[in-house]
Amino acid sequence: METNLDPERFRHLEIPDRVEIATGHGGLPFVKIQTPWSTAEIYLHGAHVTHFQKNGEPPLIFMSAKSYFAAGKGIRGGVPICFPWFGNRDGEPSHGFARIREWQLVKTSAAADGAVTLQFALPEIPGRDAWKNLRTEFIVTIADALTMELIAANDGCDDALEIENCLHTYFHVGDIGAVSIDGLRGAHYLDNAAGGNGELKMQNESPLRIAQETNRLYLDTTGAVEIRDENLHRKIRVEKTGSHSTVVWNPWTTQKLPDDFDPAEHEHMVCVESGNVKQNKILLAAGKTAALKVILSSAPLK
């Protein structure tokens, strides 16, 4: 799999004191962003947000210390873009091909107040004729909050495209034992953790606390979710539009994962993911567009 690693081709998109193109882990190009409120990093490999941190706060985003940074492999942590499918498919990349392809950085801009917006595009992939009419953009705005929008358009004239999308966000927490998650009480979910066997259940807990392997796919959920972190004394708010699924995941020490994740890291992360998967997948008609937008913000815990 060929990747153009030369960051020089993006120099015209740099903005002094705001946007810088650099060479990162594994020799992969990435974008460094600085605003009056925060810093961020986005790799072109997967259009993958690997860092967002508000001034004076711990990082909002968790990254595995063992993550791969290599062509053809997903980055562990940050915000993987799961698209145009979610989960495993025989003979195909897990969670789709978007997260393991280099995206094009199309445009950068800085607002008068210092907020920075970057626009990425997923290039057409040779040999994937089934997806040739799918045009995909990813727009990220960095300010006092992190805003991400994944936009998919079916540019064909006849056939609808069946797609799944998910912004698989890993959040950094001080201690998973001191974390609670609000906003999902009464929602139905598929329990995909060890022993769950995909059984449909209803959440009765309020708030949700994680004390074992957790892999819940909540269906028909459109509301905001709040992560309360007693250890770091902050709350993280996940707001979304264009999303009907929410995934809450922590592998604990029982889920078998590749070598890019140390089981002990489960203590400092939790995934709260926004998208449209399984029963909530999207049938994108010809000429139509689907937009998934997520806003991540944080505030002191009172």
Protein backbone atom coordinates (compact mmCIF):
# COMPACT_ATOMS: atom_id res chain seq x y z
CA MET A 1 0.00 0.00 0.00
CA GLU A 2 1.66 3.20 -1.17
CA THR A 3 1.55 6.37 0.91
CA ASN A 4 2.96 9.76 0.00
CA LEU A 5 4.82 10.63 3.18
CA ASP A 6 6.24 13.99 2.12
CA PRO A 7 4.62 16.75 4.21
CA GLU A 8 6.11 19.41 1.92
CA ARG A 9 3.19 19.00 -0.45
CA PHE A 10 0.93 20.58 2.18
CA ARG A 11 3.06 23.60 3.09
CA HIS A 12 0.70 25.99 1.26
CA LEU A 13 -2.01 25.00 3.76
CA GLU A 14 -0.07 26.07 6.83
CA ILE A 15 -1.24 29.10 8.81
CA PRO A 16 1.36 30.92 10.94
CA ASP A 17 0.83 30.35 14.68
CA ARG A 18 -2.21 28.18 13.95
CA VAL A 19 -1.56 25.26 11.54
CA GLU A 20 1.72 23.42 10.95
CA ILE A 21 2.40 20.32 8.84
CA ALA A 22 4.97 17.95 10.36
CA THR A 23 6.27 14.40 10.17
CA GLY A 24 5.01 12.24 13.01
CA HIS A 25 5.29 8.70 14.28
CA GLY A 26 6.17 6.15 11.64
CA GLY A 27 7.15 8.97 9.29
CA LEU A 28 3.48 9.78 8.69
CA PRO A 29 2.47 13.40 8.01
CA PHE A 30 0.23 15.08 10.55
CA VAL A 31 -1.23 18.49 11.27
CA LYS A 32 -0.46 20.41 14.47
CA ILE A 33 -3.08 22.97 15.46
CA GLN A 34 -2.91 25.68 18.08
CA THR A 35 -5.74 27.98 19.13
CA PRO A 36 -6.17 30.44 22.01
CA TRP A 37 -7.99 27.68 23.94
CA SER A 38 -6.44 24.40 22.89
CA THR A 39 -4.02 22.26 20.88
CA ALA A 40 -4.77 19.35 18.55
CA GLU A 41 -3.09 16.89 16.20
CA ILE A 42 -4.59 15.12 13.20
CA TYR A 43 -2.83 12.48 11.09
CA LEU A 44 -3.61 12.31 7.40
CA HIS A 45 -3.53 8.52 7.82
CA GLY A 46 -7.21 7.91 8.48
CA ALA A 47 -7.85 11.67 8.95
CA HIS A 48 -7.27 10.54 12.51
CA VAL A 49 -7.55 12.99 15.43
CA THR A 50 -4.87 11.81 17.87
CA HIS A 51 -4.79 14.75 20.28
CA PHE A 52 -7.06 17.45 21.67
CA GLN A 53 -6.27 19.29 24.87
CA LYS A 54 -7.66 22.46 26.36
CA ASN A 55 -5.23 24.82 28.02
CA GLY A 56 -4.79 23.92 31.68
CA GLU A 57 -6.54 20.54 31.35
CA PRO A 58 -5.33 16.96 30.86
CA PRO A 59 -5.73 15.60 27.30
CA LEU A 60 -9.32 14.90 26.34
CA ILE A 61 -8.28 12.11 23.97
CA PHE A 62 -6.67 8.80 24.97
CA MET A 63 -3.89 7.30 22.86
CA SER A 64 -2.41 3.85 23.41
CA ALA A 65 1.33 3.98 24.05
CA LYS A 66 1.64 0.86 21.85
CA SER A 67 -0.32 2.14 18.86
CA TYR A 68 0.89 1.33 15.37
CA PHE A 69 1.63 4.22 13.03
CA ALA A 70 1.99 2.41 9.73
CA ALA A 71 0.34 2.21 6.33
CA GLY A 72 -2.42 -0.37 6.28
CA LYS A 73 -2.86 -0.41 10.06
CA GLY A 74 -5.33 1.51 12.19
CA ILE A 75 -4.16 3.91 14.88
CA ARG A 76 -5.15 2.80 18.39
CA GLY A 77 -6.79 5.61 20.30
CA GLY A 78 -7.87 9.10 19.30
CA VAL A 79 -10.87 9.21 16.97
CA PRO A 80 -10.83 6.43 14.37
CA ILE A 81 -13.28 6.99 11.53
CA CYS A 82 -15.23 3.74 11.12
CA PHE A 83 -16.60 3.89 7.57
CA PRO A 84 -18.27 2.75 5.35
CA TRP A 85 -18.94 -0.21 7.62
CA PHE A 86 -18.61 -0.94 11.33
CA GLY A 87 -17.13 -4.11 12.80
CA ASN A 88 -15.68 -7.07 10.95
CA ARG A 89 -16.24 -8.25 7.39
CA ASP A 90 -14.66 -11.36 5.93
CA GLY A 91 -11.52 -10.49 4.00
CA GLU A 92 -11.95 -6.77 4.66
CA PRO A 93 -10.39 -4.28 7.10
CA SER A 94 -12.12 -4.11 10.46
CA HIS A 95 -14.33 -1.02 10.74
CA GLY A 96 -13.92 -0.15 7.05
CA PHE A 97 -11.16 1.17 4.82
CA ALA A 98 -11.41 4.87 5.71
CA ARG A 99 -9.34 4.52 8.89
CA ILE A 100 -6.35 2.95 7.11
CA ARG A 101 -6.16 5.20 4.05
CA GLU A 102 -4.38 8.52 3.68
CA TRP A 103 -6.89 11.34 3.31
CA GLN A 104 -6.30 14.54 1.38
CA LEU A 105 -5.99 17.77 3.34
CA VAL A 106 -8.08 20.04 1.15
CA LYS A 107 -8.41 23.31 3.06
CA THR A 108 -7.42 25.06 6.28
CA SER A 109 -8.83 28.28 7.70
CA ALA A 110 -8.59 30.36 10.87
CA ALA A 111 -11.46 32.48 12.13
CA ALA A 112 -10.95 35.96 13.55
CA ASP A 113 -11.31 34.62 17.10
CA GLY A 114 -8.61 31.99 16.50
CA ALA A 115 -10.74 28.88 15.87
CA VAL A 116 -9.22 26.62 13.20
CA THR A 117 -11.11 24.49 10.67
CA LEU A 118 -9.60 21.75 8.52
CA GLN A 119 -11.28 19.94 5.66
CA PHE A 120 -10.22 16.45 4.56
CA ALA A 121 -11.39 14.32 1.63
CA LEU A 122 -11.21 10.54 1.21
CA PRO A 123 -9.67 9.78 -2.20
CA GLU A 124 -11.28 7.25 -4.51
CA ILE A 125 -9.75 3.85 -3.87
CA PRO A 126 -8.80 1.79 -6.94
CA GLY A 127 -10.49 -1.57 -7.15
CA ARG A 128 -13.48 -0.65 -5.00
CA ASP A 129 -16.08 -0.15 -7.70
CA ALA A 130 -18.94 -0.72 -5.23
CA TRP A 131 -17.98 2.57 -3.56
CA LYS A 132 -16.96 4.60 -6.62
CA ASN A 133 -19.96 6.93 -6.25
CA LEU A 134 -19.31 7.61 -2.58
CA ARG A 135 -17.80 11.04 -1.88
CA THR A 136 -16.64 11.55 1.68
CA GLU A 137 -15.42 14.62 3.59
CA PHE A 138 -14.31 15.13 7.17
CA ILE A 139 -14.40 18.62 8.67
CA VAL A 140 -12.75 19.32 12.02
CA THR A 141 -12.99 22.60 13.96
CA ILE A 142 -10.70 23.19 16.92
CA ALA A 143 -11.57 25.86 19.48
CA ASP A 144 -12.62 25.54 23.12
CA ALA A 145 -14.45 22.41 21.92
CA LEU A 146 -13.64 19.79 19.31
CA THR A 147 -16.20 19.59 16.50
CA MET A 148 -16.06 16.81 13.90
CA GLU A 149 -18.37 16.28 10.93
CA LEU A 150 -18.26 13.26 8.62
CA ILE A 151 -20.18 13.91 5.40
CA ALA A 152 -20.98 11.17 2.89
CA ALA A 153 -22.63 11.82 -0.47
CA ASN A 154 -23.90 9.32 -3.02
CA ASP A 155 -22.97 10.89 -6.34
CA GLY A 156 -24.49 8.05 -8.34
CA CYS A 157 -27.67 8.31 -10.38
CA ASP A 158 -29.43 5.04 -9.60
CA ASP A 159 -28.37 2.74 -6.78
CA ALA A 160 -28.60 3.45 -3.08
CA LEU A 161 -25.55 2.75 -0.90
CA GLU A 162 -25.80 0.94 2.41
CA ILE A 163 -23.33 2.52 4.84
CA GLU A 164 -22.41 2.54 8.50
CA ASN A 165 -20.45 5.34 10.14
CA CYS A 166 -19.00 5.90 13.58
CA LEU A 167 -16.59 8.34 15.21
CA HIS A 168 -14.96 5.84 17.56
CA THR A 169 -13.77 8.33 20.19
CA TYR A 170 -11.37 7.21 22.93
CA PHE A 171 -11.55 9.48 25.98
CA HIS A 172 -8.74 9.90 28.51
CA VAL A 173 -9.90 9.39 32.10
CA GLY A 174 -8.00 9.43 35.37
CA ASP A 175 -9.31 6.10 36.68
CA ILE A 176 -12.09 4.07 35.07
CA GLY A 177 -13.32 3.14 38.55
CA ALA A 178 -14.10 6.81 39.20
CA VAL A 179 -16.02 7.37 35.96
CA SER A 180 -19.78 7.48 35.46
CA ILE A 181 -21.71 7.92 32.21
CA ASP A 182 -25.07 9.70 32.03
CA GLY A 183 -27.63 10.01 29.25
CA LEU A 184 -28.40 6.40 28.32
CA ARG A 185 -30.86 5.25 30.98
CA GLY A 186 -33.84 3.46 29.45
CA ALA A 187 -32.09 2.90 26.13
CA HIS A 188 -31.95 -0.53 24.51
CA TYR A 189 -28.53 -1.93 23.71
CA LEU A 190 -26.88 -4.99 22.24
CA ASP A 191 -24.53 -6.49 24.82
CA ASN A 192 -21.43 -7.52 22.85
CA ALA A 193 -19.09 -8.06 25.79
CA ALA A 194 -17.83 -11.48 26.80
CA GLY A 195 -20.88 -13.52 27.72
CA GLY A 196 -23.29 -11.00 26.28
CA ASN A 197 -23.68 -12.76 22.92
CA GLY A 198 -25.27 -9.69 21.37
CA GLU A 199 -28.35 -10.01 23.57
CA LEU A 200 -30.75 -7.06 23.47
CA LYS A 201 -31.10 -5.45 26.89
CA MET A 202 -32.30 -2.21 28.44
CA GLN A 203 -30.06 -0.01 30.57
CA ASN A 204 -31.52 0.38 34.02
CA GLU A 205 -28.40 1.83 35.64
CA SER A 206 -28.21 5.58 36.09
CA PRO A 207 -25.47 6.50 35.80
CA LEU A 208 -23.55 3.69 34.08
CA ARG A 209 -20.35 2.64 35.85
CA ILE A 210 -17.78 0.34 34.28
CA ALA A 211 -16.31 -2.44 36.41
CA GLN A 212 -15.78 -5.15 33.79
CA GLU A 213 -15.46 -5.64 30.04
CA THR A 214 -18.10 -3.43 28.49
CA ASN A 215 -19.17 -3.36 24.84
CA ARG A 216 -22.65 -1.92 24.44
CA LEU A 217 -24.24 -0.82 21.18
CA TYR A 218 -27.14 1.46 22.07
CA LEU A 219 -29.83 1.69 19.39
CA ASP A 220 -32.06 4.64 18.52
CA THR A 221 -30.15 7.06 20.74
CA THR A 222 -29.87 10.66 19.63
CA GLY A 223 -29.27 12.54 22.88
CA ALA A 224 -26.10 13.86 24.48
CA VAL A 225 -23.97 11.72 26.77
CA GLU A 226 -21.92 13.04 29.70
CA ILE A 227 -18.81 11.40 31.13
CA ARG A 228 -18.15 12.38 34.74
CA ASP A 229 -14.56 11.84 35.88
CA GLU A 230 -14.16 12.17 39.64
CA ASN A 231 -10.40 11.58 39.43
CA LEU A 232 -9.66 14.37 36.95
CA HIS A 233 -12.48 16.54 38.34
CA ARG A 234 -14.08 17.20 34.98
CA LYS A 235 -17.08 16.29 32.90
CA ILE A 236 -16.98 15.61 29.17
CA ARG A 237 -20.07 16.22 27.07
CA VAL A 238 -20.67 14.33 23.82
CA GLU A 239 -23.28 16.06 21.66
CA LYS A 240 -24.26 14.71 18.28
CA THR A 241 -26.54 15.16 15.30
CA GLY A 242 -27.19 12.77 12.45
CA SER A 243 -26.50 9.83 14.77
CA HIS A 244 -28.87 7.14 16.05
CA SER A 245 -26.33 4.77 17.63
CA THR A 246 -24.05 5.12 20.66
CA VAL A 247 -21.33 2.64 21.58
CA VAL A 248 -19.76 2.44 25.06
CA TRP A 249 -16.62 0.30 25.16
CA ASN A 250 -13.86 -0.63 27.56
CA PRO A 251 -12.01 -3.92 26.93
CA TRP A 252 -10.96 -4.36 30.59
CA THR A 253 -8.34 -7.11 30.77
CA THR A 254 -10.58 -9.85 29.38
CA GLN A 255 -11.07 -8.86 25.74
CA LYS A 256 -8.35 -10.14 23.44
CA LEU A 257 -6.85 -7.26 21.47
CA PRO A 258 -3.87 -6.90 19.13
CA ASP A 259 -0.44 -5.94 20.45
CA ASP A 260 -1.21 -2.22 19.96
CA PHE A 261 -3.01 -2.04 23.31
CA ASP A 262 -1.65 -2.85 26.77
CA PRO A 263 -4.45 -4.37 28.90
CA ALA A 264 -3.40 -2.11 31.79
CA GLU A 265 -4.37 0.90 29.66
CA HIS A 266 -8.04 0.09 30.18
CA GLU A 267 -7.81 1.96 33.49
CA HIS A 268 -7.34 5.29 31.71
CA MET A 269 -9.76 5.14 28.79
CA VAL A 270 -13.38 4.76 27.82
CA CYS A 271 -14.91 4.93 24.36
CA VAL A 272 -18.19 6.73 23.82
CA GLU A 273 -18.83 6.48 20.09
CA SER A 274 -21.39 8.22 17.92
CA GLY A 275 -22.69 6.91 14.61
CA ASN A 276 -25.19 4.80 12.72
CA VAL A 277 -24.53 1.06 12.85
CA LYS A 278 -26.33 -2.29 12.70
CA GLN A 279 -30.09 -1.62 12.83
CA ASN A 280 -29.38 2.10 12.50
CA LYS A 281 -27.31 1.81 9.31
CA ILE A 282 -27.99 4.30 6.54
CA LEU A 283 -29.47 3.59 3.12
CA LEU A 284 -28.06 6.53 1.19
CA ALA A 285 -30.13 7.16 -1.93
CA ALA A 286 -28.56 8.43 -5.14
CA GLY A 287 -27.99 12.17 -4.99
CA LYS A 288 -28.39 12.29 -1.21
CA THR A 289 -26.04 13.26 1.61
CA ALA A 290 -25.67 12.04 5.20
CA ALA A 291 -23.85 14.10 7.83
CA LEU A 292 -22.67 12.86 11.23
CA LYS A 293 -21.64 15.69 13.56
CA VAL A 294 -20.12 15.35 17.03
CA ILE A 295 -19.16 18.14 19.45
CA LEU A 296 -16.86 17.31 22.38
CA SER A 297 -16.60 19.76 25.23
CA SER A 298 -15.39 19.69 28.81
CA ALA A 299 -15.89 21.65 32.04
CA PRO A 300 -14.85 21.38 35.70
CA LEU A 301 -16.82 18.85 37.72
CA LYS A 302 -18.81 20.58 40.44
